[in-house]
Amino acid sequence: MESVLKTVVATTPKPAQDALRSQLVSAGIPASAVEVSASKTPTGLDVDAIETAAKLDKDCVMGEIRDGQVSVSVLPVLASGKCFVGDSH
């Protein structure tokens, strides 16, 4: 996850939701395991940070891109079986 996000940020500091999802799937993460937050607000502005998650058994590998910087952490899967609360694409 971290290496993929760093590669993306090197070329696009504020990647779009679909482009980020595509890069993670291309790196071998199953599409069904990938969650990506919105890259634009409802009014069309860029978000401050875009987040992604990949579900791995009972853990979620969470990645965040904010101001061109990447951070990654591991959190437990939510009771819903997802990594994000609310909508994700």
PDB file of N, CA and C in Angstrom:
ATOM      1  N   MET A   1       0.824  -1.184   0.000  1.00  0.00           N
ATOM      2  CA  MET A   1       0.000   0.000   0.000  1.00  0.00           C
ATOM      3  C   MET A   1       0.871   1.252   0.000  1.00  0.00           C
ATOM      4  N   GLU A   2       1.827   1.304   0.904  1.00  0.00           N
ATOM      5  CA  GLU A   2       2.663   2.501   1.017  1.00  0.00           C
ATOM      6  C   GLU A   2       3.436   2.778  -0.265  1.00  0.00           C
ATOM      7  N   SER A   3       4.028   1.754  -0.851  1.00  0.00           N
ATOM      8  CA  SER A   3       4.811   1.980  -2.070  1.00  0.00           C
ATOM      9  C   SER A   3       3.921   2.436  -3.226  1.00  0.00           C
ATOM     10  N   VAL A   4       2.722   1.891  -3.324  1.00  0.00           N
ATOM     11  CA  VAL A   4       1.792   2.306  -4.382  1.00  0.00           C
ATOM     12  C   VAL A   4       1.404   3.765  -4.186  1.00  0.00           C
ATOM     13  N   LEU A   5       1.048   4.129  -2.963  1.00  0.00           N
ATOM     14  CA  LEU A   5       0.641   5.511  -2.707  1.00  0.00           C
ATOM     15  C   LEU A   5       1.781   6.494  -2.952  1.00  0.00           C
ATOM     16  N   LYS A   6       2.993   6.127  -2.574  1.00  0.00           N
ATOM     17  CA  LYS A   6       4.143   7.010  -2.816  1.00  0.00           C
ATOM     18  C   LYS A   6       4.409   7.174  -4.305  1.00  0.00           C
ATOM     19  N   THR A   7       4.218   6.111  -5.066  1.00  0.00           N
ATOM     20  CA  THR A   7       4.383   6.195  -6.516  1.00  0.00           C
ATOM     21  C   THR A   7       3.328   7.117  -7.120  1.00  0.00           C
ATOM     22  N   VAL A   8       2.095   6.991  -6.656  1.00  0.00           N
ATOM     23  CA  VAL A   8       1.012   7.847  -7.145  1.00  0.00           C
ATOM     24  C   VAL A   8       1.298   9.304  -6.822  1.00  0.00           C
ATOM     25  N   VAL A   9       1.691   9.584  -5.579  1.00  0.00           N
ATOM     26  CA  VAL A   9       1.944  10.958  -5.138  1.00  0.00           C
ATOM     27  C   VAL A   9       3.099  11.586  -5.910  1.00  0.00           C
ATOM     28  N   ALA A  10       4.065  10.792  -6.308  1.00  0.00           N
ATOM     29  CA  ALA A  10       5.212  11.316  -7.048  1.00  0.00           C
ATOM     30  C   ALA A  10       4.786  11.956  -8.366  1.00  0.00           C
ATOM     31  N   THR A  11       3.707  11.458  -8.953  1.00  0.00           N
ATOM     32  CA  THR A  11       3.240  12.014 -10.227  1.00  0.00           C
ATOM     33  C   THR A  11       1.986  12.878 -10.071  1.00  0.00           C
ATOM     34  N   THR A  12       1.172  12.582  -9.050  1.00  0.00           N
ATOM     35  CA  THR A  12      -0.084  13.300  -8.842  1.00  0.00           C
ATOM     36  C   THR A  12      -0.308  13.503  -7.346  1.00  0.00           C
ATOM     37  N   PRO A  13       0.067  14.664  -6.795  1.00  0.00           N
ATOM     38  CA  PRO A  13      -0.080  14.886  -5.365  1.00  0.00           C
ATOM     39  C   PRO A  13      -1.520  14.822  -4.852  1.00  0.00           C
ATOM     40  N   LYS A  14      -2.496  15.070  -5.734  1.00  0.00           N
ATOM     41  CA  LYS A  14      -3.918  14.999  -5.363  1.00  0.00           C
ATOM     42  C   LYS A  14      -4.635  14.090  -6.364  1.00  0.00           C
ATOM     43  N   PRO A  15      -4.481  12.786  -6.215  1.00  0.00           N
ATOM     44  CA  PRO A  15      -5.077  11.866  -7.184  1.00  0.00           C
ATOM     45  C   PRO A  15      -6.600  11.818  -7.084  1.00  0.00           C
ATOM     46  N   ALA A  16      -7.226  11.500  -8.210  1.00  0.00           N
ATOM     47  CA  ALA A  16      -8.670  11.313  -8.244  1.00  0.00           C
ATOM     48  C   ALA A  16      -9.021   9.940  -7.676  1.00  0.00           C
ATOM     49  N   GLN A  17     -10.222   9.823  -7.162  1.00  0.00           N
ATOM     50  CA  GLN A  17     -10.701   8.597  -6.523  1.00  0.00           C
ATOM     51  C   GLN A  17     -10.551   7.386  -7.446  1.00  0.00           C
ATOM     52  N   ASP A  18     -11.051   7.479  -8.667  1.00  0.00           N
ATOM     53  CA  ASP A  18     -10.999   6.339  -9.589  1.00  0.00           C
ATOM     54  C   ASP A  18      -9.567   5.987  -9.995  1.00  0.00           C
ATOM     55  N   ALA A  19      -8.725   6.999 -10.170  1.00  0.00           N
ATOM     56  CA  ALA A  19      -7.330   6.748 -10.539  1.00  0.00           C
ATOM     57  C   ALA A  19      -6.591   6.034  -9.415  1.00  0.00           C
ATOM     58  N   LEU A  20      -6.860   6.446  -8.183  1.00  0.00           N
ATOM     59  CA  LEU A  20      -6.212   5.812  -7.032  1.00  0.00           C
ATOM     60  C   LEU A  20      -6.661   4.365  -6.898  1.00  0.00           C
ATOM     61  N   ARG A  21      -7.961   4.132  -7.037  1.00  0.00           N
ATOM     62  CA  ARG A  21      -8.490   2.768  -6.991  1.00  0.00           C
ATOM     63  C   ARG A  21      -7.820   1.910  -8.073  1.00  0.00           C
ATOM     64  N   SER A  22      -7.729   2.421  -9.267  1.00  0.00           N
ATOM     65  CA  SER A  22      -7.131   1.695 -10.385  1.00  0.00           C
ATOM     66  C   SER A  22      -5.682   1.318 -10.104  1.00  0.00           C
ATOM     67  N   GLN A  23      -4.928   2.229  -9.521  1.00  0.00           N
ATOM     68  CA  GLN A  23      -3.519   1.961  -9.208  1.00  0.00           C
ATOM     69  C   GLN A  23      -3.381   0.854  -8.162  1.00  0.00           C
ATOM     70  N   LEU A  24      -4.250   0.866  -7.158  1.00  0.00           N
ATOM     71  CA  LEU A  24      -4.192  -0.169  -6.121  1.00  0.00           C
ATOM     72  C   LEU A  24      -4.553  -1.539  -6.690  1.00  0.00           C
ATOM     73  N   VAL A  25      -5.570  -1.584  -7.531  1.00  0.00           N
ATOM     74  CA  VAL A  25      -5.965  -2.845  -8.154  1.00  0.00           C
ATOM     75  C   VAL A  25      -4.866  -3.325  -9.099  1.00  0.00           C
ATOM     76  N   SER A  26      -4.269  -2.409  -9.849  1.00  0.00           N
ATOM     77  CA  SER A  26      -3.170  -2.777 -10.747  1.00  0.00           C
ATOM     78  C   SER A  26      -1.970  -3.331  -9.988  1.00  0.00           C
ATOM     79  N   ALA A  27      -1.816  -2.911  -8.731  1.00  0.00           N
ATOM     80  CA  ALA A  27      -0.704  -3.392  -7.900  1.00  0.00           C
ATOM     81  C   ALA A  27      -0.988  -4.768  -7.305  1.00  0.00           C
ATOM     82  N   GLY A  28      -2.194  -5.302  -7.567  1.00  0.00           N
ATOM     83  CA  GLY A  28      -2.495  -6.654  -7.111  1.00  0.00           C
ATOM     84  C   GLY A  28      -3.462  -6.761  -5.952  1.00  0.00           C
ATOM     85  N   ILE A  29      -3.993  -5.646  -5.477  1.00  0.00           N
ATOM     86  CA  ILE A  29      -4.986  -5.700  -4.409  1.00  0.00           C
ATOM     87  C   ILE A  29      -6.339  -5.993  -5.055  1.00  0.00           C
ATOM     88  N   PRO A  30      -7.046  -7.023  -4.605  1.00  0.00           N
ATOM     89  CA  PRO A  30      -8.341  -7.349  -5.218  1.00  0.00           C
ATOM     90  C   PRO A  30      -9.311  -6.165  -5.135  1.00  0.00           C
ATOM     91  N   ALA A  31      -9.996  -5.887  -6.230  1.00  0.00           N
ATOM     92  CA  ALA A  31     -10.927  -4.757  -6.280  1.00  0.00           C
ATOM     93  C   ALA A  31     -11.969  -4.834  -5.177  1.00  0.00           C
ATOM     94  N   SER A  32     -12.396  -6.025  -4.835  1.00  0.00           N
ATOM     95  CA  SER A  32     -13.419  -6.189  -3.793  1.00  0.00           C
ATOM     96  C   SER A  32     -12.903  -5.817  -2.400  1.00  0.00           C
ATOM     97  N   ALA A  33     -11.594  -5.726  -2.238  1.00  0.00           N
ATOM     98  CA  ALA A  33     -11.000  -5.405  -0.937  1.00  0.00           C
ATOM     99  C   ALA A  33     -10.622  -3.933  -0.808  1.00  0.00           C
ATOM    100  N   VAL A  34     -10.768  -3.166  -1.894  1.00  0.00           N
ATOM    101  CA  VAL A  34     -10.315  -1.773  -1.916  1.00  0.00           C
ATOM    102  C   VAL A  34     -11.476  -0.811  -1.651  1.00  0.00           C
ATOM    103  N   GLU A  35     -11.252   0.130  -0.747  1.00  0.00           N
ATOM    104  CA  GLU A  35     -12.178   1.232  -0.497  1.00  0.00           C
ATOM    105  C   GLU A  35     -11.387   2.525  -0.658  1.00  0.00           C
ATOM    106  N   VAL A  36     -11.993   3.519  -1.323  1.00  0.00           N
ATOM    107  CA  VAL A  36     -11.319   4.799  -1.544  1.00  0.00           C
ATOM    108  C   VAL A  36     -12.311   5.919  -1.248  1.00  0.00           C
ATOM    109  N   SER A  37     -11.878   6.902  -0.472  1.00  0.00           N
ATOM    110  CA  SER A  37     -12.751   8.034  -0.150  1.00  0.00           C
ATOM    111  C   SER A  37     -12.877   8.961  -1.355  1.00  0.00           C
ATOM    112  N   ALA A  38     -13.810   9.879  -1.268  1.00  0.00           N
ATOM    113  CA  ALA A  38     -14.030  10.856  -2.341  1.00  0.00           C
ATOM    114  C   ALA A  38     -12.813  11.769  -2.484  1.00  0.00           C
ATOM    115  N   SER A  39     -12.537  12.146  -3.717  1.00  0.00           N
ATOM    116  CA  SER A  39     -11.427  13.067  -3.975  1.00  0.00           C
ATOM    117  C   SER A  39     -11.920  14.493  -4.198  1.00  0.00           C
ATOM    118  N   LYS A  40     -13.233  14.656  -4.291  1.00  0.00           N
ATOM    119  CA  LYS A  40     -13.853  15.982  -4.467  1.00  0.00           C
ATOM    120  C   LYS A  40     -14.997  16.131  -3.472  1.00  0.00           C
ATOM    121  N   THR A  41     -15.231  17.355  -3.037  1.00  0.00           N
ATOM    122  CA  THR A  41     -16.378  17.639  -2.182  1.00  0.00           C
ATOM    123  C   THR A  41     -17.633  17.668  -3.050  1.00  0.00           C
ATOM    124  N   PRO A  42     -18.811  17.663  -2.444  1.00  0.00           N
ATOM    125  CA  PRO A  42     -20.041  17.746  -3.236  1.00  0.00           C
ATOM    126  C   PRO A  42     -20.125  19.002  -4.112  1.00  0.00           C
ATOM    127  N   THR A  43     -19.377  20.047  -3.757  1.00  0.00           N
ATOM    128  CA  THR A  43     -19.384  21.275  -4.565  1.00  0.00           C
ATOM    129  C   THR A  43     -18.253  21.318  -5.581  1.00  0.00           C
ATOM    130  N   GLY A  44     -17.475  20.200  -5.699  1.00  0.00           N
ATOM    131  CA  GLY A  44     -16.437  20.116  -6.715  1.00  0.00           C
ATOM    132  C   GLY A  44     -15.052  20.562  -6.305  1.00  0.00           C
ATOM    133  N   LEU A  45     -14.858  20.874  -5.048  1.00  0.00           N
ATOM    134  CA  LEU A  45     -13.533  21.280  -4.576  1.00  0.00           C
ATOM    135  C   LEU A  45     -12.692  20.050  -4.239  1.00  0.00           C
ATOM    136  N   ASP A  46     -11.368  20.194  -4.298  1.00  0.00           N
ATOM    137  CA  ASP A  46     -10.476  19.115  -3.870  1.00  0.00           C
ATOM    138  C   ASP A  46     -10.623  18.900  -2.371  1.00  0.00           C
ATOM    139  N   VAL A  47     -10.574  17.645  -1.928  1.00  0.00           N
ATOM    140  CA  VAL A  47     -10.599  17.352  -0.495  1.00  0.00           C
ATOM    141  C   VAL A  47      -9.213  17.615   0.097  1.00  0.00           C
ATOM    142  N   ASP A  48      -9.152  17.793   1.410  1.00  0.00           N
ATOM    143  CA  ASP A  48      -7.873  18.013   2.084  1.00  0.00           C
ATOM    144  C   ASP A  48      -7.014  16.757   2.063  1.00  0.00           C
ATOM    145  N   ALA A  49      -7.677  15.589   2.142  1.00  0.00           N
ATOM    146  CA  ALA A  49      -6.961  14.314   2.146  1.00  0.00           C
ATOM    147  C   ALA A  49      -7.837  13.266   1.474  1.00  0.00           C
ATOM    148  N   ILE A  50      -7.198  12.332   0.791  1.00  0.00           N
ATOM    149  CA  ILE A  50      -7.912  11.195   0.232  1.00  0.00           C
ATOM    150  C   ILE A  50      -7.406   9.962   0.966  1.00  0.00           C
ATOM    151  N   GLU A  51      -8.327   9.106   1.334  1.00  0.00           N
ATOM    152  CA  GLU A  51      -7.963   7.916   2.100  1.00  0.00           C
ATOM    153  C   GLU A  51      -8.359   6.670   1.334  1.00  0.00           C
ATOM    154  N   THR A  52      -7.623   5.622   1.581  1.00  0.00           N
ATOM    155  CA  THR A  52      -7.910   4.340   0.961  1.00  0.00           C
ATOM    156  C   THR A  52      -7.698   3.241   1.992  1.00  0.00           C
ATOM    157  N   ALA A  53      -8.333   2.128   1.736  1.00  0.00           N
ATOM    158  CA  ALA A  53      -8.187   0.991   2.641  1.00  0.00           C
ATOM    159  C   ALA A  53      -8.218  -0.294   1.834  1.00  0.00           C
ATOM    160  N   ALA A  54      -7.492  -1.264   2.314  1.00  0.00           N
ATOM    161  CA  ALA A  54      -7.524  -2.603   1.737  1.00  0.00           C
ATOM    162  C   ALA A  54      -7.780  -3.579   2.872  1.00  0.00           C
ATOM    163  N   LYS A  55      -8.871  -4.315   2.757  1.00  0.00           N
ATOM    164  CA  LYS A  55      -9.227  -5.280   3.794  1.00  0.00           C
ATOM    165  C   LYS A  55      -8.377  -6.527   3.629  1.00  0.00           C
ATOM    166  N   LEU A  56      -7.768  -6.957   4.735  1.00  0.00           N
ATOM    167  CA  LEU A  56      -6.930  -8.146   4.749  1.00  0.00           C
ATOM    168  C   LEU A  56      -7.307  -8.950   5.983  1.00  0.00           C
ATOM    169  N   ASP A  57      -8.110  -9.974   5.782  1.00  0.00           N
ATOM    170  CA  ASP A  57      -8.637 -10.784   6.883  1.00  0.00           C
ATOM    171  C   ASP A  57      -9.405  -9.903   7.867  1.00  0.00           C
ATOM    172  N   LYS A  58      -8.913  -9.785   9.099  1.00  0.00           N
ATOM    173  CA  LYS A  58      -9.595  -8.997  10.122  1.00  0.00           C
ATOM    174  C   LYS A  58      -8.984  -7.612  10.305  1.00  0.00           C
ATOM    175  N   ASP A  59      -8.106  -7.232   9.388  1.00  0.00           N
ATOM    176  CA  ASP A  59      -7.443  -5.933   9.462  1.00  0.00           C
ATOM    177  C   ASP A  59      -7.721  -5.105   8.218  1.00  0.00           C
ATOM    178  N   CYS A  60      -7.590  -3.811   8.380  1.00  0.00           N
ATOM    179  CA  CYS A  60      -7.666  -2.869   7.269  1.00  0.00           C
ATOM    180  C   CYS A  60      -6.330  -2.141   7.188  1.00  0.00           C
ATOM    181  N   VAL A  61      -5.689  -2.209   6.043  1.00  0.00           N
ATOM    182  CA  VAL A  61      -4.484  -1.428   5.815  1.00  0.00           C
ATOM    183  C   VAL A  61      -4.976  -0.087   5.269  1.00  0.00           C
ATOM    184  N   MET A  62      -4.825   0.954   6.070  1.00  0.00           N
ATOM    185  CA  MET A  62      -5.345   2.280   5.752  1.00  0.00           C
ATOM    186  C   MET A  62      -4.221   3.169   5.233  1.00  0.00           C
ATOM    187  N   GLY A  63      -4.495   3.861   4.149  1.00  0.00           N
ATOM    188  CA  GLY A  63      -3.529   4.801   3.603  1.00  0.00           C
ATOM    189  C   GLY A  63      -4.163   6.169   3.449  1.00  0.00           C
ATOM    190  N   GLU A  64      -3.373   7.198   3.663  1.00  0.00           N
ATOM    191  CA  GLU A  64      -3.860   8.569   3.516  1.00  0.00           C
ATOM    192  C   GLU A  64      -2.855   9.384   2.730  1.00  0.00           C
ATOM    193  N   ILE A  65      -3.358  10.197   1.817  1.00  0.00           N
ATOM    194  CA  ILE A  65      -2.534  11.164   1.091  1.00  0.00           C
ATOM    195  C   ILE A  65      -3.031  12.544   1.490  1.00  0.00           C
ATOM    196  N   ARG A  66      -2.147  13.315   2.098  1.00  0.00           N
ATOM    197  CA  ARG A  66      -2.478  14.683   2.540  1.00  0.00           C
ATOM    198  C   ARG A  66      -1.263  15.565   2.256  1.00  0.00           C
ATOM    199  N   ASP A  67      -1.487  16.633   1.531  1.00  0.00           N
ATOM    200  CA  ASP A  67      -0.407  17.577   1.195  1.00  0.00           C
ATOM    201  C   ASP A  67       0.790  16.881   0.555  1.00  0.00           C
ATOM    202  N   GLY A  68       0.514  15.881  -0.280  1.00  0.00           N
ATOM    203  CA  GLY A  68       1.586  15.178  -0.974  1.00  0.00           C
ATOM    204  C   GLY A  68       2.353  14.196  -0.110  1.00  0.00           C
ATOM    205  N   GLN A  69       1.913  13.993   1.118  1.00  0.00           N
ATOM    206  CA  GLN A  69       2.565  13.062   2.035  1.00  0.00           C
ATOM    207  C   GLN A  69       1.698  11.822   2.224  1.00  0.00           C
ATOM    208  N   VAL A  70       2.347  10.685   2.404  1.00  0.00           N
ATOM    209  CA  VAL A  70       1.657   9.404   2.570  1.00  0.00           C
ATOM    210  C   VAL A  70       1.835   8.906   3.994  1.00  0.00           C
ATOM    211  N   SER A  71       0.745   8.439   4.585  1.00  0.00           N
ATOM    212  CA  SER A  71       0.838   7.750   5.864  1.00  0.00           C
ATOM    213  C   SER A  71       0.001   6.475   5.771  1.00  0.00           C
ATOM    214  N   VAL A  72       0.458   5.436   6.440  1.00  0.00           N
ATOM    215  CA  VAL A  72      -0.197   4.131   6.402  1.00  0.00           C
ATOM    216  C   VAL A  72      -0.298   3.590   7.825  1.00  0.00           C
ATOM    217  N   SER A  73      -1.433   2.985   8.133  1.00  0.00           N
ATOM    218  CA  SER A  73      -1.630   2.352   9.436  1.00  0.00           C
ATOM    219  C   SER A  73      -2.489   1.112   9.253  1.00  0.00           C
ATOM    220  N   VAL A  74      -2.554   0.297  10.284  1.00  0.00           N
ATOM    221  CA  VAL A  74      -3.380  -0.906  10.262  1.00  0.00           C
ATOM    222  C   VAL A  74      -4.397  -0.796  11.389  1.00  0.00           C
ATOM    223  N   LEU A  75      -5.671  -0.963  11.037  1.00  0.00           N
ATOM    224  CA  LEU A  75      -6.769  -0.876  11.994  1.00  0.00           C
ATOM    225  C   LEU A  75      -7.655  -2.102  11.854  1.00  0.00           C
ATOM    226  N   PRO A  76      -8.440  -2.418  12.871  1.00  0.00           N
ATOM    227  CA  PRO A  76      -9.333  -3.575  12.763  1.00  0.00           C
ATOM    228  C   PRO A  76     -10.494  -3.297  11.808  1.00  0.00           C
ATOM    229  N   VAL A  77     -11.003  -4.352  11.183  1.00  0.00           N
ATOM    230  CA  VAL A  77     -12.188  -4.258  10.340  1.00  0.00           C
ATOM    231  C   VAL A  77     -13.368  -3.866  11.225  1.00  0.00           C
ATOM    232  N   LEU A  78     -14.250  -3.033  10.713  1.00  0.00           N
ATOM    233  CA  LEU A  78     -15.437  -2.610  11.452  1.00  0.00           C
ATOM    234  C   LEU A  78     -16.457  -3.748  11.532  1.00  0.00           C
ATOM    235  N   ALA A  79     -17.413  -3.634  12.423  1.00  0.00           N
ATOM    236  CA  ALA A  79     -18.456  -4.645  12.583  1.00  0.00           C
ATOM    237  C   ALA A  79     -19.236  -4.866  11.291  1.00  0.00           C
ATOM    238  N   SER A  80     -19.282  -3.855  10.429  1.00  0.00           N
ATOM    239  CA  SER A  80     -19.980  -3.956   9.140  1.00  0.00           C
ATOM    240  C   SER A  80     -19.232  -4.836   8.146  1.00  0.00           C
ATOM    241  N   GLY A  81     -17.971  -5.175   8.468  1.00  0.00           N
ATOM    242  CA  GLY A  81     -17.140  -5.925   7.541  1.00  0.00           C
ATOM    243  C   GLY A  81     -16.371  -5.034   6.587  1.00  0.00           C
ATOM    244  N   LYS A  82     -16.518  -3.728   6.741  1.00  0.00           N
ATOM    245  CA  LYS A  82     -15.839  -2.741   5.899  1.00  0.00           C
ATOM    246  C   LYS A  82     -14.744  -2.041   6.694  1.00  0.00           C
ATOM    247  N   CYS A  83     -13.975  -1.227   5.985  1.00  0.00           N
ATOM    248  CA  CYS A  83     -12.935  -0.427   6.631  1.00  0.00           C
ATOM    249  C   CYS A  83     -13.403   1.010   6.877  1.00  0.00           C
ATOM    250  N   PHE A  84     -14.306   1.507   6.031  1.00  0.00           N
ATOM    251  CA  PHE A  84     -14.802   2.876   6.142  1.00  0.00           C
ATOM    252  C   PHE A  84     -16.212   2.893   6.704  1.00  0.00           C
ATOM    253  N   VAL A  85     -16.529   3.926   7.432  1.00  0.00           N
ATOM    254  CA  VAL A  85     -17.909   4.205   7.833  1.00  0.00           C
ATOM    255  C   VAL A  85     -18.482   5.110   6.745  1.00  0.00           C
ATOM    256  N   GLY A  86     -19.662   4.820   6.260  1.00  0.00           N
ATOM    257  CA  GLY A  86     -20.287   5.666   5.250  1.00  0.00           C
ATOM    258  C   GLY A  86     -19.910   5.239   3.843  1.00  0.00           C
ATOM    259  N   ASP A  87     -20.082   6.166   2.921  1.00  0.00           N
ATOM    260  CA  ASP A  87     -19.884   5.877   1.504  1.00  0.00           C
ATOM    261  C   ASP A  87     -18.426   5.835   1.114  1.00  0.00           C
ATOM    262  N   SER A  88     -18.112   4.922   0.238  1.00  0.00           N
ATOM    263  CA  SER A  88     -16.806   4.896  -0.426  1.00  0.00           C
ATOM    264  C   SER A  88     -17.043   4.269  -1.780  1.00  0.00           C
ATOM    265  N   HIS A  89     -16.152   4.525  -2.684  1.00  0.00           N
ATOM    266  CA  HIS A  89     -16.315   4.006  -4.049  1.00  0.00           C
ATOM    267  C   HIS A  89     -15.440   2.797  -4.226  1.00  0.00           C
TER     268      HIS A  89
END
